[in-house]
N, C-alpha and C. Protein backbone atom coordinates (compact mmCIF):
# COMPACT_ATOMS: atom_id res chain seq x y z
N MET A 1 -0.33 -7.92 12.43
CA MET A 1 0.94 -7.34 13.14
C MET A 1 1.02 -7.95 14.44
N SER A 2 2.05 -8.82 14.87
CA SER A 2 2.23 -9.34 16.26
C SER A 2 2.40 -8.40 17.36
N ARG A 3 2.31 -8.91 18.53
CA ARG A 3 2.42 -7.87 19.55
C ARG A 3 3.79 -7.29 19.61
N GLN A 4 4.72 -8.10 19.45
CA GLN A 4 6.19 -7.72 19.45
C GLN A 4 6.13 -6.59 18.50
N GLN A 5 5.80 -6.64 17.04
CA GLN A 5 5.86 -5.92 16.21
C GLN A 5 5.05 -4.41 16.37
N LYS A 6 4.00 -4.60 17.02
CA LYS A 6 3.08 -3.35 17.43
C LYS A 6 3.93 -2.65 18.43
N THR A 7 4.45 -3.49 19.50
CA THR A 7 5.49 -2.78 20.38
C THR A 7 6.48 -1.84 19.72
N GLU A 8 7.14 -2.55 18.90
CA GLU A 8 8.35 -1.93 18.28
C GLU A 8 7.91 -0.78 17.46
N TRP A 9 6.73 -0.86 16.58
CA TRP A 9 5.92 0.05 15.93
C TRP A 9 5.53 1.26 16.76
N ASP A 10 4.99 1.04 18.02
CA ASP A 10 4.65 2.21 18.94
C ASP A 10 5.84 2.77 19.42
N GLU A 11 7.10 2.17 19.62
CA GLU A 11 8.28 2.45 20.27
C GLU A 11 8.75 3.66 19.16
N ARG A 12 8.75 3.24 17.94
CA ARG A 12 9.44 3.92 16.98
C ARG A 12 8.60 5.37 16.73
N ILE A 13 7.14 5.16 16.64
CA ILE A 13 6.26 6.29 16.66
C ILE A 13 6.42 7.32 17.66
N GLU A 14 6.56 6.75 18.88
CA GLU A 14 6.94 7.70 20.20
C GLU A 14 7.95 8.23 20.09
N GLU A 15 8.99 7.70 19.67
CA GLU A 15 10.50 8.32 19.44
C GLU A 15 10.38 9.40 18.40
N ALA A 16 9.65 9.31 17.19
CA ALA A 16 9.49 10.03 16.31
C ALA A 16 8.78 11.38 16.73
N PHE A 17 7.77 11.10 17.59
CA PHE A 17 6.76 12.03 18.11
C PHE A 17 7.72 12.92 19.06
N SER A 18 8.40 12.34 19.95
CA SER A 18 9.17 12.95 20.84
C SER A 18 10.28 13.85 20.08
N ILE A 19 10.68 13.57 19.18
CA ILE A 19 11.78 14.54 18.26
C ILE A 19 10.96 15.62 17.93
N PHE A 20 9.65 15.64 17.31
CA PHE A 20 8.98 16.70 16.86
C PHE A 20 8.27 17.53 17.92
N ASP A 21 8.16 16.84 18.97
CA ASP A 21 7.50 17.70 20.15
C ASP A 21 8.58 18.49 20.92
N ARG A 22 8.96 19.50 20.17
CA ARG A 22 10.26 20.16 20.62
C ARG A 22 10.23 20.91 22.09
N ASP A 23 9.07 21.14 22.48
CA ASP A 23 8.88 21.77 23.82
C ASP A 23 8.63 20.82 24.83
N ARG A 24 8.55 19.54 24.60
CA ARG A 24 8.45 18.35 25.25
C ARG A 24 6.89 18.60 26.06
N ASP A 25 5.87 19.11 25.71
CA ASP A 25 4.67 19.18 26.34
C ASP A 25 3.69 18.08 26.09
N GLY A 26 3.89 17.10 25.27
CA GLY A 26 3.34 16.02 24.93
C GLY A 26 2.33 16.20 23.87
N LYS A 27 2.45 17.29 23.13
CA LYS A 27 1.56 17.83 21.93
C LYS A 27 2.63 18.33 20.74
N ILE A 28 2.06 18.18 19.39
CA ILE A 28 2.65 18.70 18.43
C ILE A 28 1.82 20.02 18.11
N SER A 29 2.35 21.24 18.36
CA SER A 29 1.63 22.49 17.80
C SER A 29 1.99 22.76 16.43
N VAL A 30 1.31 23.84 15.91
CA VAL A 30 1.42 24.19 14.45
C VAL A 30 2.73 24.55 14.11
N ASP A 31 3.27 25.24 14.80
CA ASP A 31 4.97 25.68 14.63
C ASP A 31 5.77 24.04 14.68
N GLU A 32 5.45 23.18 15.60
CA GLU A 32 6.27 21.99 15.57
C GLU A 32 5.96 21.31 14.25
N LEU A 33 4.50 21.31 13.78
CA LEU A 33 4.13 20.57 12.59
C LEU A 33 4.82 21.14 11.43
N ARG A 34 4.92 22.43 11.45
CA ARG A 34 5.59 23.10 10.29
C ARG A 34 7.29 22.73 10.35
N TYR A 35 7.75 22.58 11.50
CA TYR A 35 9.13 22.11 11.45
C TYR A 35 9.19 20.60 11.06
N LEU A 36 8.26 19.87 11.48
CA LEU A 36 8.12 18.49 11.09
C LEU A 36 8.20 18.49 9.57
N VAL A 37 7.31 19.08 8.81
CA VAL A 37 7.12 18.58 7.29
C VAL A 37 8.33 19.48 6.63
N ARG A 38 9.05 20.50 7.23
CA ARG A 38 10.08 21.06 6.32
C ARG A 38 11.17 20.09 6.64
N GLU A 39 11.20 19.39 7.73
CA GLU A 39 12.26 18.36 8.05
C GLU A 39 12.29 17.11 7.01
N ILE A 40 11.20 16.88 6.58
CA ILE A 40 11.13 15.97 5.55
C ILE A 40 11.10 16.29 4.13
N GLY A 41 11.32 17.75 3.96
CA GLY A 41 11.77 18.28 2.63
C GLY A 41 10.37 18.87 2.04
N TYR A 42 9.25 19.27 2.76
CA TYR A 42 8.30 19.81 2.16
C TYR A 42 8.03 21.31 2.86
N ASN A 43 7.83 22.19 1.93
CA ASN A 43 7.58 23.76 2.44
C ASN A 43 6.20 23.93 2.22
N PRO A 44 5.20 23.67 3.27
CA PRO A 44 4.00 24.08 2.97
C PRO A 44 3.36 25.46 3.02
N THR A 45 2.47 25.86 2.41
CA THR A 45 1.82 27.18 2.54
C THR A 45 1.21 27.24 3.88
N GLU A 46 0.63 28.30 4.28
CA GLU A 46 -0.17 28.28 5.73
C GLU A 46 -1.45 27.47 5.73
N ASN A 47 -1.99 27.55 4.44
CA ASN A 47 -3.34 26.93 4.20
C ASN A 47 -3.08 25.42 4.18
N GLU A 48 -1.93 25.04 3.50
CA GLU A 48 -2.02 23.44 3.68
C GLU A 48 -1.48 22.92 4.91
N LEU A 49 -0.58 23.88 5.68
CA LEU A 49 -0.34 23.50 7.07
C LEU A 49 -1.66 23.32 8.00
N ARG A 50 -2.48 24.44 7.61
CA ARG A 50 -3.66 24.60 8.56
C ARG A 50 -4.51 23.26 8.19
N ASP A 51 -4.70 22.80 6.83
CA ASP A 51 -5.37 21.84 6.34
C ASP A 51 -4.81 20.42 7.03
N LEU A 52 -3.30 20.29 7.09
CA LEU A 52 -2.82 19.18 7.48
C LEU A 52 -3.19 19.03 9.06
N MET A 53 -2.98 20.07 9.74
CA MET A 53 -3.47 20.08 11.26
C MET A 53 -4.78 19.78 11.45
N LYS A 54 -5.56 20.26 10.72
CA LYS A 54 -7.05 20.03 10.69
C LYS A 54 -7.40 18.25 10.52
N TYR A 55 -6.72 17.91 9.57
CA TYR A 55 -6.91 16.38 9.21
C TYR A 55 -6.23 15.73 10.33
N ALA A 56 -5.16 16.02 10.95
CA ALA A 56 -4.46 15.09 11.84
C ALA A 56 -5.16 15.32 13.44
N ASP A 57 -5.53 16.48 13.56
CA ASP A 57 -6.09 16.95 14.99
C ASP A 57 -7.75 16.44 15.14
N LYS A 58 -7.85 15.18 15.37
CA LYS A 58 -9.12 14.51 15.19
C LYS A 58 -10.32 15.21 16.45
N ASN A 59 -9.44 15.44 17.59
CA ASN A 59 -10.40 15.98 18.51
C ASN A 59 -10.54 17.36 18.72
N LYS A 60 -9.93 18.07 17.70
CA LYS A 60 -10.05 19.51 17.28
C LYS A 60 -9.58 20.44 18.62
N SER A 61 -8.51 19.94 19.24
CA SER A 61 -7.88 20.66 20.54
C SER A 61 -6.82 21.73 19.96
N GLY A 62 -6.55 21.70 18.60
CA GLY A 62 -5.61 22.48 18.01
C GLY A 62 -4.08 22.10 18.28
N VAL A 63 -3.90 20.84 18.61
CA VAL A 63 -2.47 20.33 18.70
C VAL A 63 -2.53 18.77 18.16
N ILE A 64 -1.79 18.27 17.92
CA ILE A 64 -1.68 16.85 17.56
C ILE A 64 -1.12 16.03 18.87
N GLU A 65 -1.89 15.20 19.41
CA GLU A 65 -1.59 14.27 20.41
C GLU A 65 -0.98 13.09 19.97
N ILE A 66 -0.19 12.17 20.97
CA ILE A 66 0.42 11.03 20.40
C ILE A 66 -0.58 10.07 19.75
N ASN A 67 -1.70 9.86 20.25
CA ASN A 67 -2.62 9.00 19.48
C ASN A 67 -3.13 9.49 18.29
N GLU A 68 -3.26 10.63 17.99
CA GLU A 68 -3.35 11.30 16.78
C GLU A 68 -2.31 11.12 15.74
N PHE A 69 -1.19 11.24 16.29
CA PHE A 69 0.09 10.97 15.44
C PHE A 69 0.19 9.57 15.23
N LYS A 70 0.06 8.70 15.87
CA LYS A 70 0.04 7.32 15.63
C LYS A 70 -1.08 6.98 14.64
N ARG A 71 -2.16 7.43 14.71
CA ARG A 71 -3.43 7.19 13.72
C ARG A 71 -2.81 7.81 12.16
N LEU A 72 -2.44 9.07 12.22
CA LEU A 72 -1.93 9.44 11.00
C LEU A 72 -0.91 8.74 10.31
N LEU A 73 0.19 8.22 11.20
CA LEU A 73 1.21 7.29 10.55
C LEU A 73 0.58 6.02 10.15
N GLN A 74 -0.34 5.53 10.90
CA GLN A 74 -0.81 4.27 10.42
C GLN A 74 -1.69 4.27 9.16
N GLU A 75 -2.37 5.35 9.10
CA GLU A 75 -3.20 5.54 7.86
C GLU A 75 -2.18 5.76 6.63
N GLN A 76 -0.93 6.59 6.79
CA GLN A 76 -0.04 6.82 5.77
C GLN A 76 0.57 5.28 5.42
N ASP A 77 0.67 4.50 6.39
CA ASP A 77 1.27 3.29 6.28
C ASP A 77 0.55 2.40 5.41
N LYS A 78 -0.75 2.43 5.69
CA LYS A 78 -1.69 1.63 4.84
C LYS A 78 -1.80 1.90 3.42
N LYS A 79 -1.67 3.35 3.28
CA LYS A 79 -2.05 4.00 1.92
C LYS A 79 -0.58 3.42 1.22
N LEU A 80 0.75 3.59 1.79
CA LEU A 80 1.82 3.13 1.07
C LEU A 80 1.73 1.57 0.90
N MET A 81 1.28 0.84 1.67
CA MET A 81 1.20 -0.61 1.51
C MET A 81 0.37 -0.85 0.32
N LYS A 82 -0.81 -0.30 0.37
CA LYS A 82 -1.68 -0.48 -1.03
C LYS A 82 -0.93 -0.07 -2.09
N SER A 83 -0.38 0.93 -2.20
CA SER A 83 0.38 1.47 -3.39
C SER A 83 1.48 0.48 -3.75
N ASN A 84 2.31 -0.01 -2.87
CA ASN A 84 3.35 -0.90 -3.16
C ASN A 84 2.63 -2.34 -3.58
N ASN A 85 1.58 -2.86 -2.99
CA ASN A 85 0.88 -3.87 -3.45
C ASN A 85 0.55 -3.75 -4.95
N LYS A 86 -0.03 -2.74 -5.31
CA LYS A 86 -0.45 -2.30 -6.75
C LYS A 86 0.89 -2.76 -7.63
N ASP A 87 1.96 -1.99 -7.27
CA ASP A 87 3.14 -1.93 -8.10
C ASP A 87 3.58 -3.61 -8.24
N VAL A 88 3.48 -4.26 -7.12
CA VAL A 88 3.86 -5.69 -7.17
C VAL A 88 2.94 -6.56 -7.89
N LEU A 89 1.62 -6.27 -7.83
CA LEU A 89 0.60 -6.84 -8.98
C LEU A 89 0.97 -6.56 -10.34
N LYS A 90 1.03 -5.27 -10.59
CA LYS A 90 1.43 -4.82 -11.86
C LYS A 90 2.72 -5.44 -12.55
N ARG A 91 3.73 -5.62 -11.62
CA ARG A 91 4.66 -6.37 -12.17
C ARG A 91 4.59 -7.81 -12.32
N ALA A 92 3.96 -8.34 -11.58
CA ALA A 92 3.64 -9.81 -11.69
C ALA A 92 2.75 -9.92 -13.11
N PHE A 93 1.93 -9.17 -13.47
CA PHE A 93 1.16 -9.38 -14.42
C PHE A 93 1.89 -9.07 -15.65
N GLN A 94 2.84 -8.44 -15.61
CA GLN A 94 3.85 -7.92 -16.89
C GLN A 94 4.63 -9.27 -16.98
N VAL A 95 5.15 -10.10 -15.89
CA VAL A 95 5.95 -11.39 -16.01
C VAL A 95 5.00 -12.31 -16.81
N PHE A 96 3.64 -12.34 -16.57
CA PHE A 96 2.87 -13.33 -17.30
C PHE A 96 2.48 -12.87 -18.84
N ASP A 97 2.21 -11.38 -19.04
CA ASP A 97 1.86 -10.89 -20.14
C ASP A 97 3.08 -10.64 -21.08
N ARG A 98 3.53 -11.79 -21.75
CA ARG A 98 5.08 -11.77 -22.23
C ARG A 98 5.02 -10.94 -23.51
N ASP A 99 3.83 -10.94 -24.41
CA ASP A 99 3.80 -10.16 -25.63
C ASP A 99 3.49 -8.80 -25.39
N GLY A 100 2.96 -8.27 -23.99
CA GLY A 100 2.89 -7.04 -23.78
C GLY A 100 1.30 -6.14 -24.33
N ASN A 101 0.65 -7.25 -24.72
CA ASN A 101 -0.75 -6.78 -25.36
C ASN A 101 -1.85 -6.41 -24.25
N GLY A 102 -1.47 -6.72 -22.87
CA GLY A 102 -2.44 -6.41 -21.77
C GLY A 102 -3.26 -7.47 -21.49
N LYS A 103 -3.16 -8.85 -22.09
CA LYS A 103 -3.96 -9.98 -21.85
C LYS A 103 -3.12 -11.14 -21.69
N ILE A 104 -3.46 -12.07 -20.87
CA ILE A 104 -2.63 -13.29 -20.64
C ILE A 104 -3.36 -14.39 -21.46
N ASP A 105 -2.80 -15.14 -22.51
CA ASP A 105 -3.28 -16.29 -22.93
C ASP A 105 -2.87 -17.58 -22.32
N ALA A 106 -3.33 -18.74 -22.68
CA ALA A 106 -2.86 -19.91 -22.22
C ALA A 106 -1.60 -20.16 -22.25
N LYS A 107 -1.05 -19.75 -23.49
CA LYS A 107 0.36 -19.94 -23.65
C LYS A 107 1.34 -19.41 -23.17
N GLU A 108 0.98 -18.01 -22.85
CA GLU A 108 1.74 -16.97 -21.93
C GLU A 108 1.84 -17.74 -20.37
N LEU A 109 0.54 -18.12 -19.80
CA LEU A 109 0.58 -18.48 -18.58
C LEU A 109 1.25 -19.74 -18.44
N GLN A 110 1.36 -20.73 -19.40
CA GLN A 110 1.92 -21.88 -19.16
C GLN A 110 3.57 -21.67 -19.31
N ALA A 111 3.99 -20.64 -20.23
CA ALA A 111 5.39 -20.43 -20.10
C ALA A 111 5.84 -19.73 -18.96
N ALA A 112 5.03 -18.75 -18.46
CA ALA A 112 5.52 -18.26 -17.13
C ALA A 112 5.53 -19.03 -15.81
N MET A 113 4.44 -19.96 -15.75
CA MET A 113 4.41 -20.92 -14.83
C MET A 113 5.68 -21.68 -15.00
N LYS A 114 6.09 -22.25 -16.20
CA LYS A 114 7.40 -23.08 -16.22
C LYS A 114 8.54 -22.27 -15.62
N THR A 115 8.61 -21.13 -16.14
CA THR A 115 9.71 -20.38 -15.73
C THR A 115 9.87 -20.13 -14.33
N LEU A 116 8.65 -19.99 -13.63
CA LEU A 116 8.55 -19.98 -12.08
C LEU A 116 8.52 -21.30 -11.35
N GLY A 117 8.83 -22.43 -12.24
CA GLY A 117 9.23 -23.76 -11.58
C GLY A 117 7.99 -24.57 -11.39
N ASP A 118 6.77 -24.11 -11.96
CA ASP A 118 5.66 -25.01 -11.89
C ASP A 118 4.83 -25.02 -13.13
N ALA A 119 5.48 -26.17 -13.96
CA ALA A 119 5.06 -26.56 -15.19
C ALA A 119 3.69 -27.00 -15.01
N LEU A 120 2.78 -26.52 -15.94
CA LEU A 120 1.32 -26.83 -15.86
C LEU A 120 0.95 -27.51 -17.38
N THR A 121 0.01 -28.49 -17.40
CA THR A 121 -0.43 -29.10 -18.58
C THR A 121 -1.29 -28.10 -19.13
N ASP A 122 -1.57 -28.37 -20.58
CA ASP A 122 -2.41 -27.52 -21.57
C ASP A 122 -3.91 -27.33 -20.51
N GLU A 123 -4.42 -28.58 -20.05
CA GLU A 123 -5.57 -28.57 -19.54
C GLU A 123 -5.65 -27.72 -18.31
N GLU A 124 -4.56 -27.79 -17.37
CA GLU A 124 -4.61 -26.98 -16.28
C GLU A 124 -4.47 -25.37 -16.50
N CYS A 125 -3.85 -25.16 -17.49
CA CYS A 125 -3.75 -23.78 -17.99
C CYS A 125 -5.22 -23.40 -18.42
N ASN A 126 -5.75 -24.03 -19.21
CA ASN A 126 -7.01 -23.63 -19.81
C ASN A 126 -7.90 -23.40 -18.70
N LEU A 127 -8.04 -24.35 -17.77
CA LEU A 127 -8.91 -24.45 -16.63
C LEU A 127 -8.60 -22.99 -15.65
N MET A 128 -7.33 -22.76 -15.52
CA MET A 128 -6.90 -21.51 -14.75
C MET A 128 -7.52 -20.10 -15.89
N ILE A 129 -7.34 -20.19 -16.86
CA ILE A 129 -7.80 -19.05 -17.64
C ILE A 129 -9.24 -18.92 -17.70
N LYS A 130 -9.96 -20.23 -17.55
CA LYS A 130 -11.45 -20.20 -17.48
C LYS A 130 -12.00 -19.70 -16.20
N VAL A 131 -11.40 -19.99 -15.35
CA VAL A 131 -11.60 -19.47 -13.91
C VAL A 131 -11.58 -18.07 -13.71
N ALA A 132 -10.49 -17.54 -14.07
CA ALA A 132 -10.24 -16.15 -14.03
C ALA A 132 -10.72 -15.25 -15.25
N ASP A 133 -11.20 -15.56 -16.30
CA ASP A 133 -11.73 -14.95 -17.41
C ASP A 133 -13.09 -14.56 -17.31
N LYS A 134 -13.47 -13.51 -16.90
CA LYS A 134 -14.75 -13.11 -16.41
C LYS A 134 -15.55 -12.59 -17.89
N ASP A 135 -14.89 -12.07 -18.74
CA ASP A 135 -15.65 -11.66 -19.93
C ASP A 135 -15.55 -12.84 -21.17
N SER A 136 -15.13 -14.04 -20.87
CA SER A 136 -15.01 -15.01 -21.83
C SER A 136 -14.55 -14.84 -23.09
N ASP A 137 -13.31 -14.16 -23.11
CA ASP A 137 -12.50 -13.90 -24.25
C ASP A 137 -11.34 -14.84 -24.47
N GLY A 138 -11.33 -15.79 -23.54
CA GLY A 138 -10.13 -16.56 -23.51
C GLY A 138 -8.82 -16.11 -23.04
N LYS A 139 -8.89 -15.04 -22.43
CA LYS A 139 -7.62 -14.35 -21.96
C LYS A 139 -7.84 -13.59 -20.64
N ILE A 140 -6.80 -13.61 -19.93
CA ILE A 140 -6.97 -12.82 -18.58
C ILE A 140 -6.35 -11.45 -18.85
N ASP A 141 -7.33 -10.24 -18.54
CA ASP A 141 -6.88 -8.98 -18.55
C ASP A 141 -6.31 -8.71 -17.13
N TYR A 142 -5.97 -7.32 -17.15
CA TYR A 142 -5.28 -6.85 -15.88
C TYR A 142 -6.35 -6.85 -14.75
N MET A 143 -7.37 -6.59 -14.94
CA MET A 143 -8.32 -6.37 -13.75
C MET A 143 -8.89 -7.78 -13.32
N GLU A 144 -9.07 -8.64 -14.44
CA GLU A 144 -9.28 -10.28 -14.24
C GLU A 144 -8.32 -10.70 -13.43
N PHE A 145 -6.94 -10.37 -13.71
CA PHE A 145 -5.85 -10.85 -12.90
C PHE A 145 -5.93 -10.58 -11.49
N ILE A 146 -5.89 -9.17 -11.22
CA ILE A 146 -6.06 -8.61 -9.92
C ILE A 146 -7.07 -9.31 -9.19
N GLU A 147 -8.28 -9.52 -9.64
CA GLU A 147 -9.41 -10.03 -9.06
C GLU A 147 -9.13 -11.53 -8.77
N PHE A 148 -8.47 -12.37 -9.50
CA PHE A 148 -8.29 -13.78 -9.40
C PHE A 148 -7.21 -13.65 -8.28
N ILE A 149 -6.28 -13.16 -8.32
CA ILE A 149 -5.23 -13.02 -7.39
C ILE A 149 -5.76 -12.72 -6.05
N SER A 150 -6.40 -11.56 -5.81
CA SER A 150 -7.09 -11.08 -4.53
C SER A 150 -7.99 -12.20 -3.95
N SER A 151 -8.90 -12.81 -4.82
CA SER A 151 -9.64 -13.70 -4.39
C SER A 151 -9.05 -14.88 -3.73
N ASN A 152 -8.17 -15.30 -4.43
CA ASN A 152 -7.36 -16.51 -4.00
C ASN A 152 -6.46 -16.34 -2.86
N SER A 153 -6.06 -15.06 -2.54
CA SER A 153 -5.14 -14.81 -1.46
C SER A 153 -5.81 -14.74 -0.25
N ARG A 154 -7.28 -14.52 -0.35
CA ARG A 154 -8.32 -14.50 0.88
C ARG A 154 -8.68 -15.77 1.34
N THR A 155 -8.38 -17.00 0.43
CA THR A 155 -8.78 -18.15 0.81
C THR A 155 -7.74 -19.09 1.61
């Protein structure tokens, strides 16, 4: 995240915090938290509300301060990103797995790559399968696909 994006992110969080800090004391109380979660369409039990407060209130002061609010939203944002990435990878796998059998063979890989504008030779497809195929069955299953994509995105 760039410095400018971080500043914009912080500004949005601070704006949201100020909306829910109804008494403007710089803290979100249990009552304000109750209001906050009801505003987003959730009607928590008292136990759920207490658990949420306990989770968010890292310094155990009994209220949620701005830094705790930021941390909570950043954690939720990371979880959402992971979830979205999984969906994207699953859809990508389905593009390659043309017959829907849960495995990508060399012909499916070649056809998908051609559709994506990157025609590969038989030799190139076989090499890619060999690199990604951990169980040596000649095909790439979903977990092998994820591992292959993940390892190549880090390099």
